[in-house]
Structures are given as C-alpha cells and as structure tokens.
Amino acid sequence: MSAATAFDKELDARGLSCPLPILRAKKALAELASGEVLKIVCTDPGSIRDFKAFAKQTGNELLAQQTEGELFLHFIRRR
C-alpha cells in the first residue's frame, strides 16, 4: 500500500502517546461506515505495536503501516 492509498478520514495523533492514539482511533472508526478506511498519523513509535494489537482485538483490518521520517502512518478498514 502506498502513501497515496485512498482513505475516508484522517486522524492526527501527533504528539500523543499510548493510549490516546488508540482511543481517538476507536472513536473515529465508530463514525465511519463498514468498509471505510481511517488513516492515523502518529509520532509514538509504540503505535506500530499498539495498532497491530488494536486491529486484532477489534476485528478491524490493519491494511498498512508506514514510517515516514518521524511519522508513523496506520491505515485501518472498519469491519
């Protein structure tokens, strides 16, 4: 999946550390329809591990994770 991947909503979680990016992502996903994609932008390196676990626990699909400099991008499709 490339950086130009289509998404329906973007969540800016820069400067936040666990568990805030996960909590905000959960709220944002609740506002999306099934099948829509949420892009989350984080600065917390632990978010890579956190979003893998979050997707597994919630049944949402983790489409991709990318690192761009100090940013960690996560793409999650709502179940």
PDB file of N, CA and C in Angstrom:
ATOM      1  N   MET A   1       0.855  -1.176   0.000  1.00  0.00           N
ATOM      2  CA  MET A   1       0.000   0.000   0.000  1.00  0.00           C
ATOM      3  C   MET A   1       0.894   1.230   0.000  1.00  0.00           C
ATOM      4  N   SER A   2       0.640   2.163  -0.875  1.00  0.00           N
ATOM      5  CA  SER A   2       1.484   3.346  -0.997  1.00  0.00           C
ATOM      6  C   SER A   2       0.959   4.490  -0.142  1.00  0.00           C
ATOM      7  N   ALA A   3       1.763   5.538  -0.028  1.00  0.00           N
ATOM      8  CA  ALA A   3       1.357   6.709   0.758  1.00  0.00           C
ATOM      9  C   ALA A   3       0.132   7.366   0.132  1.00  0.00           C
ATOM     10  N   ALA A   4      -0.104   7.090  -1.140  1.00  0.00           N
ATOM     11  CA  ALA A   4      -1.244   7.675  -1.833  1.00  0.00           C
ATOM     12  C   ALA A   4      -2.498   6.811  -1.677  1.00  0.00           C
ATOM     13  N   THR A   5      -2.463   5.883  -0.754  1.00  0.00           N
ATOM     14  CA  THR A   5      -3.596   4.998  -0.514  1.00  0.00           C
ATOM     15  C   THR A   5      -4.838   5.815  -0.179  1.00  0.00           C
ATOM     16  N   ALA A   6      -5.936   5.411  -0.758  1.00  0.00           N
ATOM     17  CA  ALA A   6      -7.196   6.117  -0.504  1.00  0.00           C
ATOM     18  C   ALA A   6      -7.665   5.864   0.919  1.00  0.00           C
ATOM     19  N   PHE A   7      -8.172   6.908   1.549  1.00  0.00           N
ATOM     20  CA  PHE A   7      -8.740   6.780   2.888  1.00  0.00           C
ATOM     21  C   PHE A   7      -9.928   7.729   2.984  1.00  0.00           C
ATOM     22  N   ASP A   8     -10.816   7.439   3.917  1.00  0.00           N
ATOM     23  CA  ASP A   8     -12.038   8.220   4.057  1.00  0.00           C
ATOM     24  C   ASP A   8     -11.931   9.301   5.122  1.00  0.00           C
ATOM     25  N   LYS A   9     -11.065   9.078   6.102  1.00  0.00           N
ATOM     26  CA  LYS A   9     -10.910  10.037   7.201  1.00  0.00           C
ATOM     27  C   LYS A   9      -9.484   9.958   7.714  1.00  0.00           C
ATOM     28  N   GLU A  10      -8.933  11.114   8.114  1.00  0.00           N
ATOM     29  CA  GLU A  10      -7.579  11.135   8.677  1.00  0.00           C
ATOM     30  C   GLU A  10      -7.636  11.611  10.117  1.00  0.00           C
ATOM     31  N   LEU A  11      -6.888  10.923  10.974  1.00  0.00           N
ATOM     32  CA  LEU A  11      -6.799  11.276  12.390  1.00  0.00           C
ATOM     33  C   LEU A  11      -5.369  11.711  12.682  1.00  0.00           C
ATOM     34  N   ASP A  12      -5.208  12.928  13.172  1.00  0.00           N
ATOM     35  CA  ASP A  12      -3.887  13.439  13.531  1.00  0.00           C
ATOM     36  C   ASP A  12      -3.655  13.168  15.014  1.00  0.00           C
ATOM     37  N   ALA A  13      -2.783  12.200  15.302  1.00  0.00           N
ATOM     38  CA  ALA A  13      -2.477  11.847  16.692  1.00  0.00           C
ATOM     39  C   ALA A  13      -1.019  12.183  17.023  1.00  0.00           C
ATOM     40  N   ARG A  14      -0.456  13.142  16.286  1.00  0.00           N
ATOM     41  CA  ARG A  14       0.928  13.550  16.533  1.00  0.00           C
ATOM     42  C   ARG A  14       1.064  14.140  17.926  1.00  0.00           C
ATOM     43  N   GLY A  15       2.144  13.765  18.598  1.00  0.00           N
ATOM     44  CA  GLY A  15       2.409  14.281  19.931  1.00  0.00           C
ATOM     45  C   GLY A  15       1.694  13.538  21.044  1.00  0.00           C
ATOM     46  N   LEU A  16       0.838  12.605  20.693  1.00  0.00           N
ATOM     47  CA  LEU A  16       0.108  11.829  21.701  1.00  0.00           C
ATOM     48  C   LEU A  16       0.788  10.491  21.918  1.00  0.00           C
ATOM     49  N   SER A  17       0.768  10.008  23.162  1.00  0.00           N
ATOM     50  CA  SER A  17       1.303   8.675  23.416  1.00  0.00           C
ATOM     51  C   SER A  17       0.207   7.773  23.937  1.00  0.00           C
ATOM     52  N   CYS A  18       0.493   6.491  23.905  1.00  0.00           N
ATOM     53  CA  CYS A  18      -0.459   5.463  24.294  1.00  0.00           C
ATOM     54  C   CYS A  18      -1.079   5.795  25.657  1.00  0.00           C
ATOM     55  N   PRO A  19      -2.361   5.672  25.814  1.00  0.00           N
ATOM     56  CA  PRO A  19      -3.337   5.037  24.919  1.00  0.00           C
ATOM     57  C   PRO A  19      -4.130   6.021  24.057  1.00  0.00           C
ATOM     58  N   LEU A  20      -3.762   7.307  24.069  1.00  0.00           N
ATOM     59  CA  LEU A  20      -4.577   8.304  23.373  1.00  0.00           C
ATOM     60  C   LEU A  20      -4.765   8.058  21.868  1.00  0.00           C
ATOM     61  N   PRO A  21      -3.720   7.696  21.095  1.00  0.00           N
ATOM     62  CA  PRO A  21      -3.979   7.434  19.669  1.00  0.00           C
ATOM     63  C   PRO A  21      -5.006   6.314  19.449  1.00  0.00           C
ATOM     64  N   ILE A  22      -4.933   5.271  20.273  1.00  0.00           N
ATOM     65  CA  ILE A  22      -5.880   4.152  20.156  1.00  0.00           C
ATOM     66  C   ILE A  22      -7.295   4.611  20.504  1.00  0.00           C
ATOM     67  N   LEU A  23      -7.427   5.365  21.581  1.00  0.00           N
ATOM     68  CA  LEU A  23      -8.759   5.830  21.996  1.00  0.00           C
ATOM     69  C   LEU A  23      -9.373   6.748  20.947  1.00  0.00           C
ATOM     70  N   ARG A  24      -8.577   7.633  20.382  1.00  0.00           N
ATOM     71  CA  ARG A  24      -9.093   8.540  19.340  1.00  0.00           C
ATOM     72  C   ARG A  24      -9.423   7.780  18.060  1.00  0.00           C
ATOM     73  N   ALA A  25      -8.621   6.764  17.745  1.00  0.00           N
ATOM     74  CA  ALA A  25      -8.898   5.946  16.561  1.00  0.00           C
ATOM     75  C   ALA A  25     -10.197   5.173  16.741  1.00  0.00           C
ATOM     76  N   LYS A  26     -10.410   4.652  17.932  1.00  0.00           N
ATOM     77  CA  LYS A  26     -11.643   3.912  18.216  1.00  0.00           C
ATOM     78  C   LYS A  26     -12.861   4.803  18.000  1.00  0.00           C
ATOM     79  N   LYS A  27     -12.777   6.037  18.483  1.00  0.00           N
ATOM     80  CA  LYS A  27     -13.881   6.988  18.327  1.00  0.00           C
ATOM     81  C   LYS A  27     -14.076   7.347  16.850  1.00  0.00           C
ATOM     82  N   ALA A  28     -12.982   7.581  16.135  1.00  0.00           N
ATOM     83  CA  ALA A  28     -13.072   7.939  14.715  1.00  0.00           C
ATOM     84  C   ALA A  28     -13.636   6.788  13.891  1.00  0.00           C
ATOM     85  N   LEU A  29     -13.231   5.559  14.194  1.00  0.00           N
ATOM     86  CA  LEU A  29     -13.754   4.400  13.460  1.00  0.00           C
ATOM     87  C   LEU A  29     -15.256   4.245  13.671  1.00  0.00           C
ATOM     88  N   ALA A  30     -15.727   4.592  14.861  1.00  0.00           N
ATOM     89  CA  ALA A  30     -17.163   4.482  15.158  1.00  0.00           C
ATOM     90  C   ALA A  30     -17.984   5.419  14.280  1.00  0.00           C
ATOM     91  N   GLU A  31     -17.349   6.482  13.783  1.00  0.00           N
ATOM     92  CA  GLU A  31     -18.054   7.450  12.930  1.00  0.00           C
ATOM     93  C   GLU A  31     -18.030   7.046  11.455  1.00  0.00           C
ATOM     94  N   LEU A  32     -17.268   6.008  11.121  1.00  0.00           N
ATOM     95  CA  LEU A  32     -17.164   5.554   9.736  1.00  0.00           C
ATOM     96  C   LEU A  32     -18.127   4.403   9.469  1.00  0.00           C
ATOM     97  N   ALA A  33     -18.485   4.256   8.205  1.00  0.00           N
ATOM     98  CA  ALA A  33     -19.319   3.121   7.799  1.00  0.00           C
ATOM     99  C   ALA A  33     -18.421   1.899   7.602  1.00  0.00           C
ATOM    100  N   SER A  34     -19.009   0.736   7.657  1.00  0.00           N
ATOM    101  CA  SER A  34     -18.281  -0.504   7.441  1.00  0.00           C
ATOM    102  C   SER A  34     -17.567  -0.455   6.089  1.00  0.00           C
ATOM    103  N   GLY A  35     -16.280  -0.824   6.077  1.00  0.00           N
ATOM    104  CA  GLY A  35     -15.509  -0.831   4.839  1.00  0.00           C
ATOM    105  C   GLY A  35     -14.731   0.448   4.581  1.00  0.00           C
ATOM    106  N   GLU A  36     -15.040   1.516   5.306  1.00  0.00           N
ATOM    107  CA  GLU A  36     -14.306   2.760   5.106  1.00  0.00           C
ATOM    108  C   GLU A  36     -12.949   2.682   5.807  1.00  0.00           C
ATOM    109  N   VAL A  37     -12.011   3.512   5.343  1.00  0.00           N
ATOM    110  CA  VAL A  37     -10.631   3.441   5.823  1.00  0.00           C
ATOM    111  C   VAL A  37     -10.261   4.695   6.614  1.00  0.00           C
ATOM    112  N   LEU A  38      -9.632   4.463   7.767  1.00  0.00           N
ATOM    113  CA  LEU A  38      -9.136   5.539   8.622  1.00  0.00           C
ATOM    114  C   LEU A  38      -7.616   5.555   8.525  1.00  0.00           C
ATOM    115  N   LYS A  39      -7.062   6.741   8.273  1.00  0.00           N
ATOM    116  CA  LYS A  39      -5.608   6.931   8.282  1.00  0.00           C
ATOM    117  C   LYS A  39      -5.262   7.617   9.599  1.00  0.00           C
ATOM    118  N   ILE A  40      -4.323   7.043  10.354  1.00  0.00           N
ATOM    119  CA  ILE A  40      -3.893   7.630  11.619  1.00  0.00           C
ATOM    120  C   ILE A  40      -2.434   8.038  11.487  1.00  0.00           C
ATOM    121  N   VAL A  41      -2.130   9.283  11.843  1.00  0.00           N
ATOM    122  CA  VAL A  41      -0.763   9.799  11.793  1.00  0.00           C
ATOM    123  C   VAL A  41      -0.279   9.975  13.229  1.00  0.00           C
ATOM    124  N   CYS A  42       0.791   9.254  13.597  1.00  0.00           N
ATOM    125  CA  CYS A  42       1.316   9.266  14.967  1.00  0.00           C
ATOM    126  C   CYS A  42       2.802   9.624  14.980  1.00  0.00           C
ATOM    127  N   THR A  43       3.271  10.045  16.148  1.00  0.00           N
ATOM    128  CA  THR A  43       4.704  10.236  16.370  1.00  0.00           C
ATOM    129  C   THR A  43       5.231   9.242  17.397  1.00  0.00           C
ATOM    130  N   ASP A  44       4.368   8.466  17.996  1.00  0.00           N
ATOM    131  CA  ASP A  44       4.754   7.482  19.015  1.00  0.00           C
ATOM    132  C   ASP A  44       5.201   6.187  18.342  1.00  0.00           C
ATOM    133  N   PRO A  45       6.500   5.806  18.473  1.00  0.00           N
ATOM    134  CA  PRO A  45       6.962   4.565  17.840  1.00  0.00           C
ATOM    135  C   PRO A  45       6.225   3.330  18.350  1.00  0.00           C
ATOM    136  N   GLY A  46       5.717   3.381  19.561  1.00  0.00           N
ATOM    137  CA  GLY A  46       4.955   2.260  20.110  1.00  0.00           C
ATOM    138  C   GLY A  46       3.624   2.047  19.411  1.00  0.00           C
ATOM    139  N   SER A  47       3.207   3.033  18.598  1.00  0.00           N
ATOM    140  CA  SER A  47       1.919   2.913  17.909  1.00  0.00           C
ATOM    141  C   SER A  47       1.915   1.763  16.908  1.00  0.00           C
ATOM    142  N   ILE A  48       3.081   1.378  16.396  1.00  0.00           N
ATOM    143  CA  ILE A  48       3.140   0.258  15.449  1.00  0.00           C
ATOM    144  C   ILE A  48       2.624  -1.002  16.130  1.00  0.00           C
ATOM    145  N   ARG A  49       3.152  -1.299  17.279  1.00  0.00           N
ATOM    146  CA  ARG A  49       2.727  -2.468  18.064  1.00  0.00           C
ATOM    147  C   ARG A  49       1.284  -2.304  18.532  1.00  0.00           C
ATOM    148  N   ASP A  50       0.959  -1.090  19.005  1.00  0.00           N
ATOM    149  CA  ASP A  50      -0.377  -0.841  19.557  1.00  0.00           C
ATOM    150  C   ASP A  50      -1.485  -1.043  18.524  1.00  0.00           C
ATOM    151  N   PHE A  51      -1.281  -0.546  17.301  1.00  0.00           N
ATOM    152  CA  PHE A  51      -2.339  -0.669  16.296  1.00  0.00           C
ATOM    153  C   PHE A  51      -2.464  -2.097  15.750  1.00  0.00           C
ATOM    154  N   LYS A  52      -1.363  -2.858  15.764  1.00  0.00           N
ATOM    155  CA  LYS A  52      -1.466  -4.279  15.398  1.00  0.00           C
ATOM    156  C   LYS A  52      -2.370  -4.991  16.395  1.00  0.00           C
ATOM    157  N   ALA A  53      -2.139  -4.746  17.680  1.00  0.00           N
ATOM    158  CA  ALA A  53      -2.947  -5.379  18.728  1.00  0.00           C
ATOM    159  C   ALA A  53      -4.389  -4.879  18.680  1.00  0.00           C
ATOM    160  N   PHE A  54      -4.575  -3.587  18.455  1.00  0.00           N
ATOM    161  CA  PHE A  54      -5.908  -2.995  18.387  1.00  0.00           C
ATOM    162  C   PHE A  54      -6.732  -3.638  17.274  1.00  0.00           C
ATOM    163  N   ALA A  55      -6.128  -3.780  16.091  1.00  0.00           N
ATOM    164  CA  ALA A  55      -6.847  -4.375  14.954  1.00  0.00           C
ATOM    165  C   ALA A  55      -7.228  -5.823  15.262  1.00  0.00           C
ATOM    166  N   LYS A  56      -6.313  -6.555  15.848  1.00  0.00           N
ATOM    167  CA  LYS A  56      -6.567  -7.959  16.171  1.00  0.00           C
ATOM    168  C   LYS A  56      -7.711  -8.085  17.188  1.00  0.00           C
ATOM    169  N   GLN A  57      -7.711  -7.218  18.191  1.00  0.00           N
ATOM    170  CA  GLN A  57      -8.723  -7.286  19.250  1.00  0.00           C
ATOM    171  C   GLN A  57     -10.092  -6.825  18.788  1.00  0.00           C
ATOM    172  N   THR A  58     -10.135  -5.861  17.856  1.00  0.00           N
ATOM    173  CA  THR A  58     -11.417  -5.282  17.458  1.00  0.00           C
ATOM    174  C   THR A  58     -12.003  -5.898  16.191  1.00  0.00           C
ATOM    175  N   GLY A  59     -11.186  -6.638  15.444  1.00  0.00           N
ATOM    176  CA  GLY A  59     -11.677  -7.228  14.204  1.00  0.00           C
ATOM    177  C   GLY A  59     -11.629  -6.282  13.024  1.00  0.00           C
ATOM    178  N   ASN A  60     -11.082  -5.079  13.230  1.00  0.00           N
ATOM    179  CA  ASN A  60     -10.879  -4.162  12.106  1.00  0.00           C
ATOM    180  C   ASN A  60      -9.616  -4.600  11.371  1.00  0.00           C
ATOM    181  N   GLU A  61      -9.534  -4.287  10.068  1.00  0.00           N
ATOM    182  CA  GLU A  61      -8.416  -4.760   9.258  1.00  0.00           C
ATOM    183  C   GLU A  61      -7.312  -3.712   9.190  1.00  0.00           C
ATOM    184  N   LEU A  62      -6.117  -4.085   9.628  1.00  0.00           N
ATOM    185  CA  LEU A  62      -4.950  -3.214   9.514  1.00  0.00           C
ATOM    186  C   LEU A  62      -4.406  -3.392   8.101  1.00  0.00           C
ATOM    187  N   LEU A  63      -4.631  -2.399   7.249  1.00  0.00           N
ATOM    188  CA  LEU A  63      -4.253  -2.505   5.843  1.00  0.00           C
ATOM    189  C   LEU A  63      -2.768  -2.284   5.629  1.00  0.00           C
ATOM    190  N   ALA A  64      -2.200  -1.299   6.337  1.00  0.00           N
ATOM    191  CA  ALA A  64      -0.786  -0.965   6.144  1.00  0.00           C
ATOM    192  C   ALA A  64      -0.285  -0.141   7.305  1.00  0.00           C
ATOM    193  N   GLN A  65       1.028  -0.205   7.500  1.00  0.00           N
ATOM    194  CA  GLN A  65       1.725   0.659   8.444  1.00  0.00           C
ATOM    195  C   GLN A  65       2.972   1.152   7.731  1.00  0.00           C
ATOM    196  N   GLN A  66       3.215   2.459   7.804  1.00  0.00           N
ATOM    197  CA  GLN A  66       4.356   3.041   7.123  1.00  0.00           C
ATOM    198  C   GLN A  66       5.079   3.990   8.065  1.00  0.00           C
ATOM    199  N   THR A  67       6.381   4.128   7.843  1.00  0.00           N
ATOM    200  CA  THR A  67       7.171   5.096   8.588  1.00  0.00           C
ATOM    201  C   THR A  67       7.685   6.123   7.595  1.00  0.00           C
ATOM    202  N   GLU A  68       7.415   7.386   7.881  1.00  0.00           N
ATOM    203  CA  GLU A  68       7.900   8.482   7.040  1.00  0.00           C
ATOM    204  C   GLU A  68       8.622   9.464   7.956  1.00  0.00           C
ATOM    205  N   GLY A  69       9.934   9.324   8.040  1.00  0.00           N
ATOM    206  CA  GLY A  69      10.706  10.158   8.961  1.00  0.00           C
ATOM    207  C   GLY A  69      10.310   9.831  10.387  1.00  0.00           C
ATOM    208  N   GLU A  70       9.814  10.827  11.102  1.00  0.00           N
ATOM    209  CA  GLU A  70       9.396  10.625  12.491  1.00  0.00           C
ATOM    210  C   GLU A  70       7.904  10.311  12.613  1.00  0.00           C
ATOM    211  N   LEU A  71       7.234  10.149  11.478  1.00  0.00           N
ATOM    212  CA  LEU A  71       5.798   9.870  11.484  1.00  0.00           C
ATOM    213  C   LEU A  71       5.534   8.385  11.234  1.00  0.00           C
ATOM    214  N   PHE A  72       4.540   7.888  11.924  1.00  0.00           N
ATOM    215  CA  PHE A  72       4.092   6.508  11.756  1.00  0.00           C
ATOM    216  C   PHE A  72       2.656   6.565  11.251  1.00  0.00           C
ATOM    217  N   LEU A  73       2.425   5.996  10.066  1.00  0.00           N
ATOM    218  CA  LEU A  73       1.106   6.035   9.436  1.00  0.00           C
ATOM    219  C   LEU A  73       0.465   4.655   9.523  1.00  0.00           C
ATOM    220  N   HIS A  74      -0.807   4.652   9.886  1.00  0.00           N
ATOM    221  CA  HIS A  74      -1.558   3.408  10.015  1.00  0.00           C
ATOM    222  C   HIS A  74      -2.851   3.556   9.217  1.00  0.00           C
ATOM    223  N   PHE A  75      -3.194   2.521   8.457  1.00  0.00           N
ATOM    224  CA  PHE A  75      -4.423   2.520   7.678  1.00  0.00           C
ATOM    225  C   PHE A  75      -5.278   1.350   8.157  1.00  0.00           C
ATOM    226  N   ILE A  76      -6.454   1.666   8.674  1.00  0.00           N
ATOM    227  CA  ILE A  76      -7.342   0.635   9.240  1.00  0.00           C
ATOM    228  C   ILE A  76      -8.703   0.699   8.548  1.00  0.00           C
ATOM    229  N   ARG A  77      -9.171  -0.458   8.063  1.00  0.00           N
ATOM    230  CA  ARG A  77     -10.500  -0.547   7.459  1.00  0.00           C
ATOM    231  C   ARG A  77     -11.488  -1.004   8.530  1.00  0.00           C
ATOM    232  N   ARG A  78     -12.567  -0.246   8.652  1.00  0.00           N
ATOM    233  CA  ARG A  78     -13.586  -0.598   9.642  1.00  0.00           C
ATOM    234  C   ARG A  78     -14.296  -1.873   9.230  1.00  0.00           C
ATOM    235  N   ARG A  79     -14.522  -2.742  10.217  1.00  0.00           N
ATOM    236  CA  ARG A  79     -15.209  -4.024   9.952  1.00  0.00           C
ATOM    237  C   ARG A  79     -16.676  -3.800   9.708  1.00  0.00           C
TER     238      ARG A  79
END
